[in-house]
């Protein structure tokens, strides 16, 4: 179990890679972001993207999945009060690999609840050349290591 004290400012955590198929991009768009460049390859070809692209919300969801699967599943996570500065810097295309990483930016122990602390982090999805696809700042609450 990873507790608040097990993180350090400046630490970069590799959360592995993921991708979305054409079908997954279209299905997500049908449910949550039904814009033509996410749904229809012909319309997408005529768009500013020149082809089918994943919704920015889809890329954020993929980052979240990597976060859960490769960090939160074994952490004393207590949830998050939200995200700031969500940026979609380039589109994610079908079957394009996105590597996800988290950088710990700041750590603040709770004064009112000594059993927890807040970690401020930068979450990034990068393409195979290391260029940003998506970035967002967030804060999460983590439990502190229990006394023995």
C-alpha atoms as a PDB file:
ATOM      1  CA  UNK A   1       0.000   0.000   0.000  1.00  0.00           C
ATOM      2  CA  UNK A   2       1.363   3.408  -0.944  1.00  0.00           C
ATOM      3  CA  UNK A   3       0.593   6.163   1.558  1.00  0.00           C
ATOM      4  CA  UNK A   4       0.984   9.942   1.467  1.00  0.00           C
ATOM      5  CA  UNK A   5       4.482   9.684   2.984  1.00  0.00           C
ATOM      6  CA  UNK A   6       5.609   7.359   0.188  1.00  0.00           C
ATOM      7  CA  UNK A   7       5.437  10.127  -2.425  1.00  0.00           C
ATOM      8  CA  UNK A   8       8.055  12.834  -2.921  1.00  0.00           C
ATOM      9  CA  UNK A   9       7.991  16.235  -4.574  1.00  0.00           C
ATOM     10  CA  UNK A  10       9.458  16.037  -8.083  1.00  0.00           C
ATOM     11  CA  UNK A  11       8.832  12.302  -8.368  1.00  0.00           C
ATOM     12  CA  UNK A  12       7.751  11.188 -11.846  1.00  0.00           C
ATOM     13  CA  UNK A  13       5.579   8.075 -11.902  1.00  0.00           C
ATOM     14  CA  UNK A  14       5.302   6.112 -15.157  1.00  0.00           C
ATOM     15  CA  UNK A  15       1.770   4.776 -15.587  1.00  0.00           C
ATOM     16  CA  UNK A  16       2.422   2.813 -18.767  1.00  0.00           C
ATOM     17  CA  UNK A  17       0.891   3.169 -22.215  1.00  0.00           C
ATOM     18  CA  UNK A  18      -2.539   2.826 -23.758  1.00  0.00           C
ATOM     19  CA  UNK A  19      -4.340   3.409 -27.042  1.00  0.00           C
ATOM     20  CA  UNK A  20      -7.869   3.539 -28.417  1.00  0.00           C
ATOM     21  CA  UNK A  21      -9.134   1.712 -31.473  1.00  0.00           C
ATOM     22  CA  UNK A  22     -11.284   3.342 -34.125  1.00  0.00           C
ATOM     23  CA  UNK A  23     -14.292   1.508 -32.676  1.00  0.00           C
ATOM     24  CA  UNK A  24     -13.551   2.678 -29.119  1.00  0.00           C
ATOM     25  CA  UNK A  25     -13.203   6.294 -30.275  1.00  0.00           C
ATOM     26  CA  UNK A  26     -16.535   6.164 -32.091  1.00  0.00           C
ATOM     27  CA  UNK A  27     -18.322   4.411 -29.212  1.00  0.00           C
ATOM     28  CA  UNK A  28     -17.083   6.937 -26.641  1.00  0.00           C
ATOM     29  CA  UNK A  29     -18.125   9.776 -28.952  1.00  0.00           C
ATOM     30  CA  UNK A  30     -21.587   8.287 -29.505  1.00  0.00           C
ATOM     31  CA  UNK A  31     -22.158   8.263 -25.759  1.00  0.00           C
ATOM     32  CA  UNK A  32     -20.418  11.423 -24.590  1.00  0.00           C
ATOM     33  CA  UNK A  33     -19.093  13.750 -27.339  1.00  0.00           C
ATOM     34  CA  UNK A  34     -20.975  13.203 -30.610  1.00  0.00           C
ATOM     35  CA  UNK A  35     -19.074  15.653 -32.799  1.00  0.00           C
ATOM     36  CA  UNK A  36     -18.513  14.610 -36.437  1.00  0.00           C
ATOM     37  CA  UNK A  37     -14.703  14.395 -36.224  1.00  0.00           C
ATOM     38  CA  UNK A  38     -15.085  11.821 -33.410  1.00  0.00           C
ATOM     39  CA  UNK A  39     -17.864   9.816 -35.088  1.00  0.00           C
ATOM     40  CA  UNK A  40     -17.552   9.805 -38.854  1.00  0.00           C
ATOM     41  CA  UNK A  41     -14.373   9.157 -40.827  1.00  0.00           C
ATOM     42  CA  UNK A  42     -15.586  11.056 -43.910  1.00  0.00           C
ATOM     43  CA  UNK A  43     -16.598  14.120 -41.874  1.00  0.00           C
ATOM     44  CA  UNK A  44     -13.368  13.828 -39.878  1.00  0.00           C
ATOM     45  CA  UNK A  45     -11.336  13.796 -43.102  1.00  0.00           C
ATOM     46  CA  UNK A  46     -12.882  17.157 -44.054  1.00  0.00           C
ATOM     47  CA  UNK A  47     -12.294  18.635 -40.556  1.00  0.00           C
ATOM     48  CA  UNK A  48      -9.286  20.554 -39.268  1.00  0.00           C
ATOM     49  CA  UNK A  49      -7.980  17.221 -37.941  1.00  0.00           C
ATOM     50  CA  UNK A  50      -7.860  15.518 -41.345  1.00  0.00           C
ATOM     51  CA  UNK A  51      -9.077  12.240 -39.872  1.00  0.00           C
ATOM     52  CA  UNK A  52     -10.841  10.564 -36.988  1.00  0.00           C
ATOM     53  CA  UNK A  53      -9.656  11.681 -33.527  1.00  0.00           C
ATOM     54  CA  UNK A  54     -10.572  10.779 -29.961  1.00  0.00           C
ATOM     55  CA  UNK A  55     -12.554  13.227 -27.878  1.00  0.00           C
ATOM     56  CA  UNK A  56     -10.414  15.156 -25.418  1.00  0.00           C
ATOM     57  CA  UNK A  57     -12.684  13.759 -22.721  1.00  0.00           C
ATOM     58  CA  UNK A  58     -11.834  10.284 -23.971  1.00  0.00           C
ATOM     59  CA  UNK A  59      -8.106  10.973 -23.610  1.00  0.00           C
ATOM     60  CA  UNK A  60      -8.729  12.280 -20.058  1.00  0.00           C
ATOM     61  CA  UNK A  61     -10.651   9.087 -19.271  1.00  0.00           C
ATOM     62  CA  UNK A  62      -7.770   7.015 -20.599  1.00  0.00           C
ATOM     63  CA  UNK A  63      -5.345   8.910 -18.348  1.00  0.00           C
ATOM     64  CA  UNK A  64      -7.665   8.224 -15.410  1.00  0.00           C
ATOM     65  CA  UNK A  65      -7.766   4.525 -16.234  1.00  0.00           C
ATOM     66  CA  UNK A  66      -3.965   4.352 -16.277  1.00  0.00           C
ATOM     67  CA  UNK A  67      -3.884   6.247 -12.967  1.00  0.00           C
ATOM     68  CA  UNK A  68      -6.288   3.779 -11.336  1.00  0.00           C
ATOM     69  CA  UNK A  69      -4.685   0.643 -12.777  1.00  0.00           C
ATOM     70  CA  UNK A  70      -1.055   1.581 -12.131  1.00  0.00           C
ATOM     71  CA  UNK A  71      -1.141   3.755  -9.009  1.00  0.00           C
ATOM     72  CA  UNK A  72      -4.423   4.127  -7.158  1.00  0.00           C
ATOM     73  CA  UNK A  73      -5.211   0.411  -7.011  1.00  0.00           C
ATOM     74  CA  UNK A  74      -2.376   0.008  -4.480  1.00  0.00           C
ATOM     75  CA  UNK A  75      -2.565   3.421  -2.796  1.00  0.00           C
ATOM     76  CA  UNK A  76      -4.398   4.883   0.176  1.00  0.00           C
ATOM     77  CA  UNK A  77      -6.386   7.121  -2.182  1.00  0.00           C
ATOM     78  CA  UNK A  78      -9.240   9.083  -0.611  1.00  0.00           C
ATOM     79  CA  UNK A  79     -10.519  10.765  -3.774  1.00  0.00           C
ATOM     80  CA  UNK A  80      -9.976  14.114  -5.424  1.00  0.00           C
ATOM     81  CA  UNK A  81     -11.596  17.528  -5.144  1.00  0.00           C
ATOM     82  CA  UNK A  82     -10.998  18.143  -8.857  1.00  0.00           C
ATOM     83  CA  UNK A  83      -8.784  19.057 -11.771  1.00  0.00           C
ATOM     84  CA  UNK A  84      -7.429  22.325 -13.115  1.00  0.00           C
ATOM     85  CA  UNK A  85      -5.933  23.426 -16.404  1.00  0.00           C
ATOM     86  CA  UNK A  86      -7.042  20.535 -18.601  1.00  0.00           C
ATOM     87  CA  UNK A  87      -5.326  20.990 -21.971  1.00  0.00           C
ATOM     88  CA  UNK A  88      -5.712  19.022 -25.182  1.00  0.00           C
ATOM     89  CA  UNK A  89      -2.541  19.869 -27.082  1.00  0.00           C
ATOM     90  CA  UNK A  90      -2.862  17.474 -29.996  1.00  0.00           C
ATOM     91  CA  UNK A  91      -5.423  14.883 -31.019  1.00  0.00           C
ATOM     92  CA  UNK A  92      -5.183  11.205 -30.217  1.00  0.00           C
ATOM     93  CA  UNK A  93      -5.730   9.138 -33.357  1.00  0.00           C
ATOM     94  CA  UNK A  94      -6.902   5.524 -33.650  1.00  0.00           C
ATOM     95  CA  UNK A  95      -4.313   3.021 -32.371  1.00  0.00           C
ATOM     96  CA  UNK A  96      -1.860   5.810 -31.485  1.00  0.00           C
ATOM     97  CA  UNK A  97       0.131   4.923 -28.367  1.00  0.00           C
ATOM     98  CA  UNK A  98      -0.148   7.347 -25.436  1.00  0.00           C
ATOM     99  CA  UNK A  99       2.242   7.043 -22.482  1.00  0.00           C
ATOM    100  CA  UNK A 100       0.942   8.450 -19.208  1.00  0.00           C
ATOM    101  CA  UNK A 101       2.996   9.937 -16.407  1.00  0.00           C
ATOM    102  CA  UNK A 102       2.334  11.777 -13.166  1.00  0.00           C
ATOM    103  CA  UNK A 103       4.673  14.319 -11.605  1.00  0.00           C
ATOM    104  CA  UNK A 104       4.258  15.128  -7.913  1.00  0.00           C
ATOM    105  CA  UNK A 105       4.372  18.925  -7.679  1.00  0.00           C
ATOM    106  CA  UNK A 106       3.424  19.710  -4.098  1.00  0.00           C
ATOM    107  CA  UNK A 107       2.444  17.896  -0.912  1.00  0.00           C
ATOM    108  CA  UNK A 108       0.408  19.427   1.901  1.00  0.00           C
ATOM    109  CA  UNK A 109      -0.423  17.503   5.074  1.00  0.00           C
ATOM    110  CA  UNK A 110      -3.924  18.232   6.340  1.00  0.00           C
ATOM    111  CA  UNK A 111      -4.031  20.392   9.466  1.00  0.00           C
ATOM    112  CA  UNK A 112      -7.641  19.575  10.287  1.00  0.00           C
ATOM    113  CA  UNK A 113      -7.381  15.834   9.558  1.00  0.00           C
ATOM    114  CA  UNK A 114      -3.960  14.461  10.507  1.00  0.00           C
ATOM    115  CA  UNK A 115      -4.771  11.068   8.976  1.00  0.00           C
ATOM    116  CA  UNK A 116      -4.406  12.444   5.429  1.00  0.00           C
ATOM    117  CA  UNK A 117      -2.586  14.790   3.088  1.00  0.00           C
ATOM    118  CA  UNK A 118      -3.140  16.379  -0.307  1.00  0.00           C
ATOM    119  CA  UNK A 119      -0.859  15.725  -3.262  1.00  0.00           C
ATOM    120  CA  UNK A 120      -0.842  18.204  -6.151  1.00  0.00           C
ATOM    121  CA  UNK A 121       0.179  16.538  -9.381  1.00  0.00           C
ATOM    122  CA  UNK A 122       0.647  17.078 -13.084  1.00  0.00           C
ATOM    123  CA  UNK A 123      -0.752  14.284 -15.242  1.00  0.00           C
ATOM    124  CA  UNK A 124       0.421  14.029 -18.841  1.00  0.00           C
ATOM    125  CA  UNK A 125      -0.283  11.834 -21.849  1.00  0.00           C
ATOM    126  CA  UNK A 126       2.539  11.819 -24.395  1.00  0.00           C
ATOM    127  CA  UNK A 127       2.852  10.440 -27.909  1.00  0.00           C
ATOM    128  CA  UNK A 128       5.703   8.191 -29.051  1.00  0.00           C
ATOM    129  CA  UNK A 129       7.893  11.228 -29.784  1.00  0.00           C
ATOM    130  CA  UNK A 130       7.377  12.580 -26.257  1.00  0.00           C
ATOM    131  CA  UNK A 131       5.034  15.371 -27.391  1.00  0.00           C
ATOM    132  CA  UNK A 132       2.104  16.219 -25.147  1.00  0.00           C
ATOM    133  CA  UNK A 133      -1.339  15.007 -26.157  1.00  0.00           C
ATOM    134  CA  UNK A 134      -3.106  15.959 -22.922  1.00  0.00           C
ATOM    135  CA  UNK A 135      -2.098  17.549 -19.630  1.00  0.00           C
ATOM    136  CA  UNK A 136      -3.964  18.404 -16.469  1.00  0.00           C
ATOM    137  CA  UNK A 137      -3.226  19.475 -12.937  1.00  0.00           C
ATOM    138  CA  UNK A 138      -5.050  17.766 -10.130  1.00  0.00           C
ATOM    139  CA  UNK A 139      -5.009  17.242  -6.437  1.00  0.00           C
ATOM    140  CA  UNK A 140      -5.749  14.052  -4.588  1.00  0.00           C
ATOM    141  CA  UNK A 141      -6.138  13.114  -0.974  1.00  0.00           C
ATOM    142  CA  UNK A 142      -4.141  10.188   0.371  1.00  0.00           C
ATOM    143  CA  UNK A 143      -4.236   8.499   3.740  1.00  0.00           C
ATOM    144  CA  UNK A 144      -1.175   8.792   5.952  1.00  0.00           C
ATOM    145  CA  UNK A 145       0.641   5.720   7.157  1.00  0.00           C
ATOM    146  CA  UNK A 146      -1.126   4.357  10.249  1.00  0.00           C
ATOM    147  CA  UNK A 147       0.828   4.226  13.499  1.00  0.00           C
ATOM    148  CA  UNK A 148       1.939   0.710  14.401  1.00  0.00           C
END
